[in-house]
PDB file of N, CA and C in Angstrom:
ATOM      1  N   MET A   1      23.220  29.060 -19.055  1.00  0.00           N
ATOM      2  CA  MET A   1      23.511  27.649 -18.849  1.00  0.00           C
ATOM      3  C   MET A   1      22.893  27.146 -17.541  1.00  0.00           C
ATOM      4  N   LEU A   2      23.056  27.886 -16.463  1.00  0.00           N
ATOM      5  CA  LEU A   2      22.492  27.499 -15.173  1.00  0.00           C
ATOM      6  C   LEU A   2      20.964  27.502 -15.244  1.00  0.00           C
ATOM      7  N   THR A   3      20.402  28.476 -15.929  1.00  0.00           N
ATOM      8  CA  THR A   3      18.951  28.556 -16.079  1.00  0.00           C
ATOM      9  C   THR A   3      18.419  27.333 -16.820  1.00  0.00           C
ATOM     10  N   GLU A   4      19.153  26.862 -17.839  1.00  0.00           N
ATOM     11  CA  GLU A   4      18.740  25.661 -18.575  1.00  0.00           C
ATOM     12  C   GLU A   4      18.685  24.453 -17.654  1.00  0.00           C
ATOM     13  N   ARG A   5      19.718  24.292 -16.793  1.00  0.00           N
ATOM     14  CA  ARG A   5      19.756  23.141 -15.891  1.00  0.00           C
ATOM     15  C   ARG A   5      18.616  23.190 -14.882  1.00  0.00           C
ATOM     16  N   VAL A   6      18.340  24.383 -14.354  1.00  0.00           N
ATOM     17  CA  VAL A   6      17.255  24.524 -13.383  1.00  0.00           C
ATOM     18  C   VAL A   6      15.919  24.211 -14.054  1.00  0.00           C
ATOM     19  N   THR A   7      15.714  24.743 -15.247  1.00  0.00           N
ATOM     20  CA  THR A   7      14.479  24.487 -15.989  1.00  0.00           C
ATOM     21  C   THR A   7      14.352  23.002 -16.292  1.00  0.00           C
ATOM     22  N   ASP A   8      15.445  22.372 -16.717  1.00  0.00           N
ATOM     23  CA  ASP A   8      15.427  20.947 -17.028  1.00  0.00           C
ATOM     24  C   ASP A   8      15.128  20.119 -15.779  1.00  0.00           C
ATOM     25  N   SER A   9      15.739  20.471 -14.661  1.00  0.00           N
ATOM     26  CA  SER A   9      15.501  19.753 -13.406  1.00  0.00           C
ATOM     27  C   SER A   9      14.053  19.907 -12.961  1.00  0.00           C
ATOM     28  N   THR A  10      13.509  21.098 -13.106  1.00  0.00           N
ATOM     29  CA  THR A  10      12.114  21.346 -12.740  1.00  0.00           C
ATOM     30  C   THR A  10      11.189  20.501 -13.618  1.00  0.00           C
ATOM     31  N   HIS A  11      11.476  20.481 -14.901  1.00  0.00           N
ATOM     32  CA  HIS A  11      10.675  19.684 -15.840  1.00  0.00           C
ATOM     33  C   HIS A  11      10.744  18.197 -15.476  1.00  0.00           C
ATOM     34  N   GLN A  12      11.933  17.689 -15.174  1.00  0.00           N
ATOM     35  CA  GLN A  12      12.085  16.278 -14.806  1.00  0.00           C
ATOM     36  C   GLN A  12      11.306  15.970 -13.533  1.00  0.00           C
ATOM     37  N   PHE A  13      11.362  16.879 -12.565  1.00  0.00           N
ATOM     38  CA  PHE A  13      10.644  16.696 -11.304  1.00  0.00           C
ATOM     39  C   PHE A  13       9.135  16.652 -11.565  1.00  0.00           C
ATOM     40  N   GLU A  14       8.638  17.566 -12.368  1.00  0.00           N
ATOM     41  CA  GLU A  14       7.221  17.603 -12.683  1.00  0.00           C
ATOM     42  C   GLU A  14       6.780  16.340 -13.422  1.00  0.00           C
ATOM     43  N   GLN A  15       7.607  15.855 -14.324  1.00  0.00           N
ATOM     44  CA  GLN A  15       7.289  14.619 -15.046  1.00  0.00           C
ATOM     45  C   GLN A  15       7.251  13.432 -14.092  1.00  0.00           C
ATOM     46  N   SER A  16       8.159  13.404 -13.127  1.00  0.00           N
ATOM     47  CA  SER A  16       8.169  12.327 -12.128  1.00  0.00           C
ATOM     48  C   SER A  16       6.883  12.339 -11.307  1.00  0.00           C
ATOM     49  N   LEU A  17       6.426  13.526 -10.929  1.00  0.00           N
ATOM     50  CA  LEU A  17       5.181  13.644 -10.170  1.00  0.00           C
ATOM     51  C   LEU A  17       3.997  13.142 -10.980  1.00  0.00           C
ATOM     52  N   ILE A  18       3.971  13.456 -12.266  1.00  0.00           N
ATOM     53  CA  ILE A  18       2.889  12.989 -13.130  1.00  0.00           C
ATOM     54  C   ILE A  18       2.899  11.467 -13.200  1.00  0.00           C
ATOM     55  N   ARG A  19       4.081  10.870 -13.377  1.00  0.00           N
ATOM     56  CA  ARG A  19       4.174   9.407 -13.448  1.00  0.00           C
ATOM     57  C   ARG A  19       3.719   8.774 -12.141  1.00  0.00           C
ATOM     58  N   LEU A  20       4.129   9.361 -11.006  1.00  0.00           N
ATOM     59  CA  LEU A  20       3.720   8.821  -9.709  1.00  0.00           C
ATOM     60  C   LEU A  20       2.208   8.894  -9.532  1.00  0.00           C
ATOM     61  N   SER A  21       1.599   9.956 -10.028  1.00  0.00           N
ATOM     62  CA  SER A  21       0.154  10.109  -9.855  1.00  0.00           C
ATOM     63  C   SER A  21      -0.629   9.148 -10.743  1.00  0.00           C
ATOM     64  N   GLU A  22       0.026   8.511 -11.710  1.00  0.00           N
ATOM     65  CA  GLU A  22      -0.644   7.572 -12.606  1.00  0.00           C
ATOM     66  C   GLU A  22      -0.470   6.115 -12.167  1.00  0.00           C
ATOM     67  N   ILE A  23       0.371   5.849 -11.192  1.00  0.00           N
ATOM     68  CA  ILE A  23       0.626   4.481 -10.746  1.00  0.00           C
ATOM     69  C   ILE A  23      -0.610   3.941 -10.032  1.00  0.00           C
ATOM     70  N   HIS A  24      -1.040   2.748 -10.436  1.00  0.00           N
ATOM     71  CA  HIS A  24      -2.211   2.100  -9.852  1.00  0.00           C
ATOM     72  C   HIS A  24      -1.743   1.010  -8.881  1.00  0.00           C
ATOM     73  N   TYR A  25      -2.309   0.993  -7.696  1.00  0.00           N
ATOM     74  CA  TYR A  25      -1.939   0.030  -6.663  1.00  0.00           C
ATOM     75  C   TYR A  25      -2.985  -1.073  -6.566  1.00  0.00           C
ATOM     76  N   VAL A  26      -2.512  -2.305  -6.437  1.00  0.00           N
ATOM     77  CA  VAL A  26      -3.384  -3.454  -6.190  1.00  0.00           C
ATOM     78  C   VAL A  26      -2.970  -4.018  -4.836  1.00  0.00           C
ATOM     79  N   LEU A  27      -3.905  -3.966  -3.891  1.00  0.00           N
ATOM     80  CA  LEU A  27      -3.624  -4.355  -2.510  1.00  0.00           C
ATOM     81  C   LEU A  27      -4.602  -5.435  -2.064  1.00  0.00           C
ATOM     82  N   ARG A  28      -4.093  -6.354  -1.247  1.00  0.00           N
ATOM     83  CA  ARG A  28      -4.943  -7.371  -0.618  1.00  0.00           C
ATOM     84  C   ARG A  28      -4.669  -7.351   0.877  1.00  0.00           C
ATOM     85  N   LEU A  29      -5.737  -7.258   1.633  1.00  0.00           N
ATOM     86  CA  LEU A  29      -5.629  -7.265   3.085  1.00  0.00           C
ATOM     87  C   LEU A  29      -6.281  -8.538   3.600  1.00  0.00           C
ATOM     88  N   TYR A  30      -5.480  -9.369   4.256  1.00  0.00           N
ATOM     89  CA  TYR A  30      -5.955 -10.629   4.815  1.00  0.00           C
ATOM     90  C   TYR A  30      -6.223 -10.426   6.301  1.00  0.00           C
ATOM     91  N   VAL A  31      -7.451 -10.711   6.727  1.00  0.00           N
ATOM     92  CA  VAL A  31      -7.843 -10.539   8.123  1.00  0.00           C
ATOM     93  C   VAL A  31      -8.487 -11.833   8.625  1.00  0.00           C
ATOM     94  N   THR A  32      -8.696 -11.894   9.926  1.00  0.00           N
ATOM     95  CA  THR A  32      -9.340 -13.062  10.536  1.00  0.00           C
ATOM     96  C   THR A  32     -10.623 -12.609  11.225  1.00  0.00           C
ATOM     97  N   GLY A  33     -11.695 -12.633  10.484  1.00  0.00           N
ATOM     98  CA  GLY A  33     -13.000 -12.289  11.042  1.00  0.00           C
ATOM     99  C   GLY A  33     -13.131 -10.823  11.398  1.00  0.00           C
ATOM    100  N   THR A  34     -13.949 -10.575  12.412  1.00  0.00           N
ATOM    101  CA  THR A  34     -14.224  -9.201  12.827  1.00  0.00           C
ATOM    102  C   THR A  34     -13.586  -8.892  14.181  1.00  0.00           C
ATOM    103  N   THR A  35     -12.386  -9.386  14.376  1.00  0.00           N
ATOM    104  CA  THR A  35     -11.672  -9.103  15.618  1.00  0.00           C
ATOM    105  C   THR A  35     -11.317  -7.615  15.660  1.00  0.00           C
ATOM    106  N   PRO A  36     -11.085  -7.068  16.853  1.00  0.00           N
ATOM    107  CA  PRO A  36     -10.702  -5.657  16.927  1.00  0.00           C
ATOM    108  C   PRO A  36      -9.462  -5.338  16.079  1.00  0.00           C
ATOM    109  N   GLN A  37      -8.485  -6.241  16.078  1.00  0.00           N
ATOM    110  CA  GLN A  37      -7.271  -6.003  15.293  1.00  0.00           C
ATOM    111  C   GLN A  37      -7.576  -6.011  13.790  1.00  0.00           C
ATOM    112  N   SER A  38      -8.432  -6.901  13.342  1.00  0.00           N
ATOM    113  CA  SER A  38      -8.817  -6.955  11.929  1.00  0.00           C
ATOM    114  C   SER A  38      -9.560  -5.685  11.524  1.00  0.00           C
ATOM    115  N   LEU A  39     -10.512  -5.269  12.338  1.00  0.00           N
ATOM    116  CA  LEU A  39     -11.283  -4.061  12.034  1.00  0.00           C
ATOM    117  C   LEU A  39     -10.393  -2.820  12.016  1.00  0.00           C
ATOM    118  N   ARG A  40      -9.439  -2.760  12.955  1.00  0.00           N
ATOM    119  CA  ARG A  40      -8.493  -1.638  12.997  1.00  0.00           C
ATOM    120  C   ARG A  40      -7.631  -1.622  11.736  1.00  0.00           C
ATOM    121  N   ALA A  41      -7.179  -2.800  11.300  1.00  0.00           N
ATOM    122  CA  ALA A  41      -6.357  -2.892  10.092  1.00  0.00           C
ATOM    123  C   ALA A  41      -7.142  -2.425   8.868  1.00  0.00           C
ATOM    124  N   ILE A  42      -8.387  -2.863   8.746  1.00  0.00           N
ATOM    125  CA  ILE A  42      -9.219  -2.444   7.611  1.00  0.00           C
ATOM    126  C   ILE A  42      -9.389  -0.929   7.604  1.00  0.00           C
ATOM    127  N   MET A  43      -9.723  -0.380   8.763  1.00  0.00           N
ATOM    128  CA  MET A  43      -9.925   1.060   8.876  1.00  0.00           C
ATOM    129  C   MET A  43      -8.645   1.826   8.527  1.00  0.00           C
ATOM    130  N   ASN A  44      -7.513   1.364   9.055  1.00  0.00           N
ATOM    131  CA  ASN A  44      -6.244   2.058   8.809  1.00  0.00           C
ATOM    132  C   ASN A  44      -5.833   1.992   7.340  1.00  0.00           C
ATOM    133  N   VAL A  45      -5.977   0.834   6.715  1.00  0.00           N
ATOM    134  CA  VAL A  45      -5.590   0.695   5.304  1.00  0.00           C
ATOM    135  C   VAL A  45      -6.485   1.566   4.432  1.00  0.00           C
ATOM    136  N   LYS A  46      -7.776   1.561   4.701  1.00  0.00           N
ATOM    137  CA  LYS A  46      -8.686   2.408   3.914  1.00  0.00           C
ATOM    138  C   LYS A  46      -8.318   3.883   4.070  1.00  0.00           C
ATOM    139  N   LYS A  47      -7.950   4.272   5.289  1.00  0.00           N
ATOM    140  CA  LYS A  47      -7.561   5.662   5.536  1.00  0.00           C
ATOM    141  C   LYS A  47      -6.312   6.027   4.728  1.00  0.00           C
ATOM    142  N   PHE A  48      -5.291   5.156   4.746  1.00  0.00           N
ATOM    143  CA  PHE A  48      -4.075   5.407   3.968  1.00  0.00           C
ATOM    144  C   PHE A  48      -4.376   5.489   2.478  1.00  0.00           C
ATOM    145  N   CYS A  49      -5.193   4.571   2.008  1.00  0.00           N
ATOM    146  CA  CYS A  49      -5.520   4.543   0.580  1.00  0.00           C
ATOM    147  C   CYS A  49      -6.238   5.816   0.153  1.00  0.00           C
ATOM    148  N   GLU A  50      -7.204   6.252   0.925  1.00  0.00           N
ATOM    149  CA  GLU A  50      -7.944   7.459   0.566  1.00  0.00           C
ATOM    150  C   GLU A  50      -7.074   8.712   0.673  1.00  0.00           C
ATOM    151  N   GLU A  51      -6.168   8.722   1.632  1.00  0.00           N
ATOM    152  CA  GLU A  51      -5.315   9.895   1.810  1.00  0.00           C
ATOM    153  C   GLU A  51      -4.195   9.972   0.782  1.00  0.00           C
ATOM    154  N   TYR A  52      -3.573   8.842   0.455  1.00  0.00           N
ATOM    155  CA  TYR A  52      -2.383   8.855  -0.386  1.00  0.00           C
ATOM    156  C   TYR A  52      -2.599   8.289  -1.794  1.00  0.00           C
ATOM    157  N   LEU A  53      -3.630   7.491  -1.989  1.00  0.00           N
ATOM    158  CA  LEU A  53      -3.812   6.815  -3.279  1.00  0.00           C
ATOM    159  C   LEU A  53      -5.198   7.041  -3.879  1.00  0.00           C
ATOM    160  N   LYS A  54      -5.886   8.066  -3.472  1.00  0.00           N
ATOM    161  CA  LYS A  54      -7.270   8.293  -3.885  1.00  0.00           C
ATOM    162  C   LYS A  54      -7.447   8.118  -5.396  1.00  0.00           C
ATOM    163  N   GLY A  55      -8.331   7.197  -5.749  1.00  0.00           N
ATOM    164  CA  GLY A  55      -8.641   6.944  -7.144  1.00  0.00           C
ATOM    165  C   GLY A  55      -7.608   6.118  -7.893  1.00  0.00           C
ATOM    166  N   ARG A  56      -6.562   5.653  -7.177  1.00  0.00           N
ATOM    167  CA  ARG A  56      -5.492   4.911  -7.841  1.00  0.00           C
ATOM    168  C   ARG A  56      -5.239   3.555  -7.201  1.00  0.00           C
ATOM    169  N   TYR A  57      -6.253   2.977  -6.587  1.00  0.00           N
ATOM    170  CA  TYR A  57      -6.002   1.704  -5.909  1.00  0.00           C
ATOM    171  C   TYR A  57      -7.209   0.776  -5.996  1.00  0.00           C
ATOM    172  N   GLU A  58      -6.902  -0.505  -5.876  1.00  0.00           N
ATOM    173  CA  GLU A  58      -7.911  -1.547  -5.685  1.00  0.00           C
ATOM    174  C   GLU A  58      -7.553  -2.223  -4.374  1.00  0.00           C
ATOM    175  N   LEU A  59      -8.493  -2.308  -3.479  1.00  0.00           N
ATOM    176  CA  LEU A  59      -8.267  -2.968  -2.194  1.00  0.00           C
ATOM    177  C   LEU A  59      -9.256  -4.107  -2.056  1.00  0.00           C
ATOM    178  N   GLU A  60      -8.716  -5.301  -1.883  1.00  0.00           N
ATOM    179  CA  GLU A  60      -9.540  -6.481  -1.657  1.00  0.00           C
ATOM    180  C   GLU A  60      -9.285  -6.944  -0.224  1.00  0.00           C
ATOM    181  N   VAL A  61     -10.349  -7.032   0.570  1.00  0.00           N
ATOM    182  CA  VAL A  61     -10.245  -7.514   1.943  1.00  0.00           C
ATOM    183  C   VAL A  61     -10.710  -8.964   1.958  1.00  0.00           C
ATOM    184  N   ILE A  62      -9.842  -9.834   2.445  1.00  0.00           N
ATOM    185  CA  ILE A  62     -10.123 -11.271   2.450  1.00  0.00           C
ATOM    186  C   ILE A  62     -10.160 -11.770   3.885  1.00  0.00           C
ATOM    187  N   ASP A  63     -11.297 -12.346   4.267  1.00  0.00           N
ATOM    188  CA  ASP A  63     -11.458 -12.928   5.602  1.00  0.00           C
ATOM    189  C   ASP A  63     -10.991 -14.381   5.533  1.00  0.00           C
ATOM    190  N   LEU A  64      -9.929 -14.676   6.224  1.00  0.00           N
ATOM    191  CA  LEU A  64      -9.351 -16.022   6.181  1.00  0.00           C
ATOM    192  C   LEU A  64     -10.230 -17.066   6.868  1.00  0.00           C
ATOM    193  N   TYR A  65     -11.172 -16.632   7.715  1.00  0.00           N
ATOM    194  CA  TYR A  65     -12.124 -17.590   8.290  1.00  0.00           C
ATOM    195  C   TYR A  65     -13.102 -18.061   7.216  1.00  0.00           C
ATOM    196  N   GLN A  66     -13.436 -17.189   6.280  1.00  0.00           N
ATOM    197  CA  GLN A  66     -14.377 -17.537   5.215  1.00  0.00           C
ATOM    198  C   GLN A  66     -13.688 -18.197   4.024  1.00  0.00           C
ATOM    199  N   GLN A  67     -12.418 -17.856   3.797  1.00  0.00           N
ATOM    200  CA  GLN A  67     -11.681 -18.404   2.654  1.00  0.00           C
ATOM    201  C   GLN A  67     -10.288 -18.860   3.102  1.00  0.00           C
ATOM    202  N   PRO A  68     -10.204 -19.879   3.951  1.00  0.00           N
ATOM    203  CA  PRO A  68      -8.917 -20.305   4.496  1.00  0.00           C
ATOM    204  C   PRO A  68      -7.938 -20.813   3.439  1.00  0.00           C
ATOM    205  N   GLN A  69      -8.423 -21.306   2.322  1.00  0.00           N
ATOM    206  CA  GLN A  69      -7.543 -21.815   1.272  1.00  0.00           C
ATOM    207  C   GLN A  69      -6.654 -20.715   0.692  1.00  0.00           C
ATOM    208  N   LEU A  70      -7.081 -19.466   0.792  1.00  0.00           N
ATOM    209  CA  LEU A  70      -6.284 -18.364   0.251  1.00  0.00           C
ATOM    210  C   LEU A  70      -5.032 -18.085   1.083  1.00  0.00           C
ATOM    211  N   ALA A  71      -5.048 -18.487   2.340  1.00  0.00           N
ATOM    212  CA  ALA A  71      -3.874 -18.288   3.193  1.00  0.00           C
ATOM    213  C   ALA A  71      -2.694 -19.095   2.689  1.00  0.00           C
ATOM    214  N   GLN A  72      -2.957 -20.301   2.257  1.00  0.00           N
ATOM    215  CA  GLN A  72      -1.876 -21.156   1.769  1.00  0.00           C
ATOM    216  C   GLN A  72      -1.339 -20.642   0.437  1.00  0.00           C
ATOM    217  N   GLY A  73      -2.214 -20.235  -0.452  1.00  0.00           N
ATOM    218  CA  GLY A  73      -1.796 -19.758  -1.763  1.00  0.00           C
ATOM    219  C   GLY A  73      -0.911 -18.520  -1.688  1.00  0.00           C
ATOM    220  N   GLU A  74      -1.169 -17.664  -0.717  1.00  0.00           N
ATOM    221  CA  GLU A  74      -0.383 -16.438  -0.547  1.00  0.00           C
ATOM    222  C   GLU A  74       0.669 -16.577   0.542  1.00  0.00           C
ATOM    223  N   GLN A  75       0.756 -17.758   1.144  1.00  0.00           N
ATOM    224  CA  GLN A  75       1.702 -18.029   2.219  1.00  0.00           C
ATOM    225  C   GLN A  75       1.529 -17.048   3.376  1.00  0.00           C
ATOM    226  N   ILE A  76       0.293 -16.877   3.800  1.00  0.00           N
ATOM    227  CA  ILE A  76      -0.033 -16.004   4.928  1.00  0.00           C
ATOM    228  C   ILE A  76       0.244 -16.769   6.216  1.00  0.00           C
ATOM    229  N   ILE A  77       1.103 -16.226   7.049  1.00  0.00           N
ATOM    230  CA  ILE A  77       1.432 -16.885   8.317  1.00  0.00           C
ATOM    231  C   ILE A  77       0.915 -16.116   9.523  1.00  0.00           C
ATOM    232  N   ALA A  78       0.459 -14.881   9.294  1.00  0.00           N
ATOM    233  CA  ALA A  78      -0.079 -14.059  10.371  1.00  0.00           C
ATOM    234  C   ALA A  78      -1.137 -13.143   9.768  1.00  0.00           C
ATOM    235  N   ALA A  79      -2.062 -12.721  10.595  1.00  0.00           N
ATOM    236  CA  ALA A  79      -3.088 -11.798  10.126  1.00  0.00           C
ATOM    237  C   ALA A  79      -3.292 -10.729  11.197  1.00  0.00           C
ATOM    238  N   PRO A  80      -3.586  -9.536  10.794  1.00  0.00           N
ATOM    239  CA  PRO A  80      -3.761  -9.023   9.445  1.00  0.00           C
ATOM    240  C   PRO A  80      -2.429  -8.931   8.685  1.00  0.00           C
ATOM    241  N   THR A  81      -2.506  -9.181   7.380  1.00  0.00           N
ATOM    242  CA  THR A  81      -1.376  -9.015   6.473  1.00  0.00           C
ATOM    243  C   THR A  81      -1.852  -8.246   5.249  1.00  0.00           C
ATOM    244  N   LEU A  82      -1.133  -7.182   4.929  1.00  0.00           N
ATOM    245  CA  LEU A  82      -1.409  -6.408   3.726  1.00  0.00           C
ATOM    246  C   LEU A  82      -0.352  -6.768   2.691  1.00  0.00           C
ATOM    247  N   ILE A  83      -0.810  -7.140   1.493  1.00  0.00           N
ATOM    248  CA  ILE A  83       0.119  -7.443   0.406  1.00  0.00           C
ATOM    249  C   ILE A  83      -0.067  -6.413  -0.693  1.00  0.00           C
ATOM    250  N   LYS A  84       1.033  -5.772  -1.051  1.00  0.00           N
ATOM    251  CA  LYS A  84       1.030  -4.850  -2.193  1.00  0.00           C
ATOM    252  C   LYS A  84       1.444  -5.672  -3.398  1.00  0.00           C
ATOM    253  N   LYS A  85       0.480  -5.995  -4.252  1.00  0.00           N
ATOM    254  CA  LYS A  85       0.744  -6.805  -5.449  1.00  0.00           C
ATOM    255  C   LYS A  85       1.361  -5.944  -6.552  1.00  0.00           C
ATOM    256  N   LEU A  86       0.795  -4.776  -6.759  1.00  0.00           N
ATOM    257  CA  LEU A  86       1.293  -3.829  -7.760  1.00  0.00           C
ATOM    258  C   LEU A  86       1.290  -2.448  -7.167  1.00  0.00           C
ATOM    259  N   PRO A  87       2.191  -1.585  -7.524  1.00  0.00           N
ATOM    260  CA  PRO A  87       3.316  -1.821  -8.423  1.00  0.00           C
ATOM    261  C   PRO A  87       4.380  -2.673  -7.731  1.00  0.00           C
ATOM    262  N   LEU A  88       5.142  -3.347  -8.550  1.00  0.00           N
ATOM    263  CA  LEU A  88       6.233  -4.167  -8.025  1.00  0.00           C
ATOM    264  C   LEU A  88       7.270  -3.274  -7.378  1.00  0.00           C
ATOM    265  N   PRO A  89       8.014  -3.740  -6.419  1.00  0.00           N
ATOM    266  CA  PRO A  89       8.093  -5.102  -5.909  1.00  0.00           C
ATOM    267  C   PRO A  89       6.941  -5.412  -4.949  1.00  0.00           C
ATOM    268  N   LEU A  90       6.595  -6.683  -4.894  1.00  0.00           N
ATOM    269  CA  LEU A  90       5.588  -7.163  -3.974  1.00  0.00           C
ATOM    270  C   LEU A  90       6.069  -6.900  -2.554  1.00  0.00           C
ATOM    271  N   ARG A  91       5.188  -6.426  -1.698  1.00  0.00           N
ATOM    272  CA  ARG A  91       5.537  -6.164  -0.301  1.00  0.00           C
ATOM    273  C   ARG A  91       4.480  -6.728   0.609  1.00  0.00           C
ATOM    274  N   ARG A  92       4.903  -7.148   1.817  1.00  0.00           N
ATOM    275  CA  ARG A  92       3.988  -7.648   2.850  1.00  0.00           C
ATOM    276  C   ARG A  92       4.175  -6.826   4.114  1.00  0.00           C
ATOM    277  N   ILE A  93       3.057  -6.437   4.682  1.00  0.00           N
ATOM    278  CA  ILE A  93       3.077  -5.691   5.943  1.00  0.00           C
ATOM    279  C   ILE A  93       2.158  -6.445   6.890  1.00  0.00           C
ATOM    280  N   ILE A  94       2.662  -6.770   8.059  1.00  0.00           N
ATOM    281  CA  ILE A  94       1.891  -7.551   9.031  1.00  0.00           C
ATOM    282  C   ILE A  94       1.557  -6.662  10.226  1.00  0.00           C
ATOM    283  N   GLY A  95       0.335  -6.785  10.712  1.00  0.00           N
ATOM    284  CA  GLY A  95      -0.089  -6.035  11.891  1.00  0.00           C
ATOM    285  C   GLY A  95      -1.359  -5.258  11.614  1.00  0.00           C
ATOM    286  N   ASP A  96      -1.736  -4.386  12.554  1.00  0.00           N
ATOM    287  CA  ASP A  96      -2.999  -3.656  12.408  1.00  0.00           C
ATOM    288  C   ASP A  96      -2.853  -2.362  11.608  1.00  0.00           C
ATOM    289  N   MET A  97      -1.685  -2.144  11.034  1.00  0.00           N
ATOM    290  CA  MET A  97      -1.399  -1.007  10.152  1.00  0.00           C
ATOM    291  C   MET A  97      -1.501   0.331  10.882  1.00  0.00           C
ATOM    292  N   SER A  98      -1.288   0.321  12.197  1.00  0.00           N
ATOM    293  CA  SER A  98      -1.388   1.559  12.970  1.00  0.00           C
ATOM    294  C   SER A  98      -0.092   2.364  12.965  1.00  0.00           C
ATOM    295  N   LYS A  99       1.015   1.758  12.534  1.00  0.00           N
ATOM    296  CA  LYS A  99       2.291   2.483  12.465  1.00  0.00           C
ATOM    297  C   LYS A  99       2.416   3.103  11.077  1.00  0.00           C
ATOM    298  N   SER A 100       2.021   4.364  10.989  1.00  0.00           N
ATOM    299  CA  SER A 100       1.931   5.067   9.707  1.00  0.00           C
ATOM    300  C   SER A 100       3.188   4.965   8.875  1.00  0.00           C
ATOM    301  N   GLU A 101       4.330   5.259   9.474  1.00  0.00           N
ATOM    302  CA  GLU A 101       5.589   5.263   8.720  1.00  0.00           C
ATOM    303  C   GLU A 101       5.866   3.892   8.112  1.00  0.00           C
ATOM    304  N   ARG A 102       5.621   2.855   8.867  1.00  0.00           N
ATOM    305  CA  ARG A 102       5.868   1.490   8.393  1.00  0.00           C
ATOM    306  C   ARG A 102       4.986   1.151   7.186  1.00  0.00           C
ATOM    307  N   VAL A 103       3.732   1.546   7.243  1.00  0.00           N
ATOM    308  CA  VAL A 103       2.813   1.281   6.137  1.00  0.00           C
ATOM    309  C   VAL A 103       3.211   2.092   4.912  1.00  0.00           C
ATOM    310  N   LEU A 104       3.530   3.359   5.100  1.00  0.00           N
ATOM    311  CA  LEU A 104       3.905   4.217   3.971  1.00  0.00           C
ATOM    312  C   LEU A 104       5.187   3.723   3.305  1.00  0.00           C
ATOM    313  N   VAL A 105       6.149   3.280   4.094  1.00  0.00           N
ATOM    314  CA  VAL A 105       7.382   2.720   3.529  1.00  0.00           C
ATOM    315  C   VAL A 105       7.066   1.427   2.795  1.00  0.00           C
ATOM    316  N   GLY A 106       6.224   0.591   3.380  1.00  0.00           N
ATOM    317  CA  GLY A 106       5.853  -0.676   2.752  1.00  0.00           C
ATOM    318  C   GLY A 106       5.128  -0.499   1.427  1.00  0.00           C
ATOM    319  N   LEU A 107       4.387   0.590   1.306  1.00  0.00           N
ATOM    320  CA  LEU A 107       3.672   0.881   0.065  1.00  0.00           C
ATOM    321  C   LEU A 107       4.523   1.714  -0.899  1.00  0.00           C
ATOM    322  N   ASP A 108       5.760   1.988  -0.515  1.00  0.00           N
ATOM    323  CA  ASP A 108       6.679   2.815  -1.318  1.00  0.00           C
ATOM    324  C   ASP A 108       6.151   4.228  -1.511  1.00  0.00           C
ATOM    325  N   LEU A 109       5.450   4.738  -0.511  1.00  0.00           N
ATOM    326  CA  LEU A 109       4.960   6.103  -0.551  1.00  0.00           C
ATOM    327  C   LEU A 109       5.846   7.049   0.238  1.00  0.00           C
ATOM    328  N   GLN A 110       6.787   6.477   0.966  1.00  0.00           N
ATOM    329  CA  GLN A 110       7.733   7.252   1.758  1.00  0.00           C
ATOM    330  C   GLN A 110       9.031   6.472   1.831  1.00  0.00           C
ATOM    331  N   LYS A 111      10.135   7.191   1.798  1.00  0.00           N
ATOM    332  CA  LYS A 111      11.442   6.554   1.921  1.00  0.00           C
ATOM    333  C   LYS A 111      11.711   6.210   3.376  1.00  0.00           C
ATOM    334  N   LYS A 112      12.414   5.098   3.593  1.00  0.00           N
ATOM    335  CA  LYS A 112      12.760   4.694   4.958  1.00  0.00           C
ATOM    336  C   LYS A 112      13.780   5.678   5.515  1.00  0.00           C
ATOM    337  N   ILE A 113      13.518   6.132   6.725  1.00  0.00           N
ATOM    338  CA  ILE A 113      14.406   7.118   7.370  1.00  0.00           C
ATOM    339  C   ILE A 113      15.446   6.409   8.199  1.00  0.00           C
TER     340      ILE A 113
END
């Protein structure tokens, strides 16, 4: 009986890992030109995506100086801002994305401690 429960729990855990590895992320990073903070945010987000979401993400970088109308549509009040569109729930992270834990929690890749 105990062996059945352990086997079942192991199977459920493995199935959860498979489902997590199939989740596709859609991300938008809003920046303001080529400022040091914008460049740092781009670099940091790309690093997180390649490390944790390799092959499972779409990242669109939007320069608000070139496309200011997009700020209003997404209600961007500060830049850089990363928006996780999918998977739901939608999340917004503001800043240069240098605080690893904050970004990972915002992307639902790590539980908040």
